[in-house]
């Protein structure tokens, strides 16, 4: 499902390029939650873990 995940991530980042980490799991992986409205008008709930591959930029507020 890599294509589906990549498409979903592109949709999220096109709407909101800054995501907020909602939790860090027992292995140290940060996760964020996001709700999108699908083509059919239904709300989609997404939970994505971030792996370190140098494509993410840390934002210190």
N, C-alpha and C. Protein backbone atom coordinates (compact mmCIF):
# COMPACT_ATOMS: atom_id res chain seq x y z
N UNK A 1 0.81 -1.20 0.00
CA UNK A 1 0.00 0.00 0.00
C UNK A 1 0.86 1.27 0.00
N UNK A 2 2.11 1.15 -0.46
CA UNK A 2 3.00 2.31 -0.45
C UNK A 2 2.44 3.46 -1.27
N UNK A 3 1.83 3.17 -2.40
CA UNK A 3 1.25 4.22 -3.23
C UNK A 3 0.13 4.95 -2.53
N UNK A 4 -0.73 4.19 -1.83
CA UNK A 4 -1.83 4.79 -1.09
C UNK A 4 -1.29 5.68 0.04
N UNK A 5 -0.30 5.19 0.77
CA UNK A 5 0.29 5.97 1.85
C UNK A 5 0.94 7.24 1.32
N UNK A 6 1.68 7.12 0.23
CA UNK A 6 2.35 8.29 -0.35
C UNK A 6 1.32 9.30 -0.84
N UNK A 7 0.25 8.84 -1.47
CA UNK A 7 -0.80 9.74 -1.94
C UNK A 7 -1.46 10.47 -0.77
N UNK A 8 -1.73 9.72 0.30
CA UNK A 8 -2.35 10.31 1.49
C UNK A 8 -1.43 11.35 2.11
N UNK A 9 -0.17 11.03 2.23
CA UNK A 9 0.79 11.98 2.80
C UNK A 9 0.91 13.23 1.94
N UNK A 10 0.91 13.08 0.63
CA UNK A 10 0.94 14.25 -0.26
C UNK A 10 -0.30 15.11 -0.08
N UNK A 11 -1.47 14.49 0.07
CA UNK A 11 -2.70 15.25 0.30
C UNK A 11 -2.62 16.03 1.60
N UNK A 12 -2.14 15.39 2.67
CA UNK A 12 -2.04 16.06 3.97
C UNK A 12 -1.08 17.24 3.88
N UNK A 13 0.10 17.01 3.34
CA UNK A 13 1.11 18.06 3.30
C UNK A 13 0.75 19.20 2.35
N UNK A 14 -0.07 18.93 1.34
CA UNK A 14 -0.51 20.02 0.45
C UNK A 14 -1.50 20.94 1.17
N UNK A 15 -2.23 20.39 2.12
CA UNK A 15 -3.19 21.19 2.89
C UNK A 15 -2.54 21.86 4.09
N UNK A 16 -1.60 21.16 4.70
CA UNK A 16 -1.01 21.64 5.95
C UNK A 16 0.43 21.12 6.03
N UNK A 17 1.41 21.90 5.54
CA UNK A 17 2.78 21.41 5.48
C UNK A 17 3.46 21.26 6.84
N UNK A 18 2.82 21.74 7.91
CA UNK A 18 3.37 21.58 9.26
C UNK A 18 2.42 20.68 10.03
N UNK A 19 2.90 19.52 10.45
CA UNK A 19 2.08 18.61 11.24
C UNK A 19 2.54 18.66 12.69
N UNK A 20 1.64 18.32 13.59
CA UNK A 20 1.94 18.30 15.01
C UNK A 20 2.04 16.85 15.48
N UNK A 21 3.15 16.52 16.11
CA UNK A 21 3.34 15.18 16.63
C UNK A 21 2.39 15.00 17.82
N UNK A 22 1.59 13.94 17.77
CA UNK A 22 0.62 13.70 18.83
C UNK A 22 1.10 12.69 19.87
N UNK A 23 2.07 11.85 19.47
CA UNK A 23 2.60 10.89 20.43
C UNK A 23 3.92 10.34 19.92
N UNK A 24 4.66 9.76 20.83
CA UNK A 24 5.89 9.04 20.50
C UNK A 24 5.72 7.64 21.09
N UNK A 25 5.88 6.63 20.24
CA UNK A 25 5.63 5.27 20.72
C UNK A 25 6.80 4.73 21.54
N UNK A 26 6.67 3.49 22.00
CA UNK A 26 7.68 2.87 22.86
C UNK A 26 9.04 2.71 22.18
N UNK A 27 9.07 2.80 20.86
CA UNK A 27 10.31 2.65 20.11
C UNK A 27 10.91 4.00 19.70
N UNK A 28 10.27 5.08 20.14
CA UNK A 28 10.76 6.42 19.83
C UNK A 28 10.27 6.99 18.52
N UNK A 29 9.33 6.30 17.86
CA UNK A 29 8.81 6.78 16.58
C UNK A 29 7.73 7.82 16.83
N UNK A 30 7.86 9.02 16.25
CA UNK A 30 6.82 10.04 16.39
C UNK A 30 5.65 9.75 15.44
N UNK A 31 4.44 10.06 15.90
CA UNK A 31 3.23 9.84 15.14
C UNK A 31 2.41 11.13 15.09
N UNK A 32 1.67 11.30 14.00
CA UNK A 32 0.71 12.39 13.94
C UNK A 32 -0.61 11.87 13.41
N UNK A 33 -1.67 12.56 13.78
CA UNK A 33 -3.03 12.19 13.38
C UNK A 33 -3.55 13.26 12.43
N UNK A 34 -4.38 12.85 11.49
CA UNK A 34 -4.95 13.82 10.56
C UNK A 34 -6.29 13.33 10.04
N UNK A 35 -7.20 14.25 9.86
CA UNK A 35 -8.51 13.94 9.26
C UNK A 35 -8.59 14.62 7.91
N UNK A 36 -8.98 13.87 6.90
CA UNK A 36 -9.17 14.39 5.55
C UNK A 36 -10.60 14.09 5.11
N UNK A 37 -11.12 14.91 4.24
CA UNK A 37 -12.42 14.64 3.63
C UNK A 37 -12.15 13.96 2.29
N UNK A 38 -12.69 12.78 2.13
CA UNK A 38 -12.50 12.01 0.91
C UNK A 38 -13.33 12.53 -0.24
N UNK A 39 -13.11 11.97 -1.41
CA UNK A 39 -13.86 12.36 -2.61
C UNK A 39 -15.36 12.13 -2.44
N UNK A 40 -15.72 11.16 -1.60
CA UNK A 40 -17.14 10.86 -1.38
C UNK A 40 -17.76 11.70 -0.27
N UNK A 41 -16.98 12.64 0.30
CA UNK A 41 -17.48 13.52 1.35
C UNK A 41 -17.33 12.97 2.76
N UNK A 42 -16.87 11.73 2.87
CA UNK A 42 -16.69 11.12 4.18
C UNK A 42 -15.36 11.53 4.79
N UNK A 43 -15.34 11.58 6.12
CA UNK A 43 -14.11 11.92 6.82
C UNK A 43 -13.23 10.69 6.92
N UNK A 44 -11.96 10.85 6.55
CA UNK A 44 -10.96 9.78 6.67
C UNK A 44 -10.08 10.11 7.86
N UNK A 45 -9.80 9.12 8.69
CA UNK A 45 -8.94 9.31 9.85
C UNK A 45 -7.62 8.61 9.59
N UNK A 46 -6.53 9.36 9.70
CA UNK A 46 -5.20 8.83 9.41
C UNK A 46 -4.28 8.99 10.61
N UNK A 47 -3.46 7.99 10.83
CA UNK A 47 -2.43 8.02 11.86
C UNK A 47 -1.15 7.55 11.19
N UNK A 48 -0.15 8.42 11.14
CA UNK A 48 1.08 8.10 10.42
C UNK A 48 2.29 8.24 11.32
N UNK A 49 3.17 7.24 11.25
CA UNK A 49 4.44 7.28 11.98
C UNK A 49 5.52 7.82 11.06
N UNK A 50 6.44 8.57 11.63
CA UNK A 50 7.50 9.18 10.84
C UNK A 50 8.81 8.43 11.07
N UNK A 51 9.40 7.96 9.99
CA UNK A 51 10.72 7.35 10.07
C UNK A 51 11.74 8.39 9.63
N UNK A 52 12.92 8.30 10.15
CA UNK A 52 13.96 9.28 9.85
C UNK A 52 14.62 8.94 8.52
N UNK A 53 14.38 9.77 7.51
CA UNK A 53 15.02 9.57 6.21
C UNK A 53 15.51 10.89 5.63
N UNK A 54 15.65 11.89 6.49
CA UNK A 54 16.17 13.21 6.13
C UNK A 54 15.24 14.01 5.22
N UNK A 55 14.00 13.55 5.01
CA UNK A 55 13.06 14.34 4.21
C UNK A 55 12.19 15.23 5.09
N UNK A 56 12.30 15.07 6.41
CA UNK A 56 11.52 15.86 7.36
C UNK A 56 12.42 16.92 7.97
N UNK A 57 11.82 18.04 8.28
CA UNK A 57 12.56 19.13 8.91
C UNK A 57 11.94 19.43 10.27
N UNK A 58 12.77 19.45 11.31
CA UNK A 58 12.28 19.74 12.66
C UNK A 58 12.03 21.24 12.78
N UNK A 59 10.89 21.60 13.32
CA UNK A 59 10.53 22.99 13.53
C UNK A 59 10.48 23.23 15.03
N UNK A 60 11.36 24.06 15.52
CA UNK A 60 11.38 24.40 16.94
C UNK A 60 10.60 25.68 17.15
N UNK A 61 9.53 25.59 17.92
CA UNK A 61 8.69 26.77 18.18
C UNK A 61 9.03 27.36 19.53
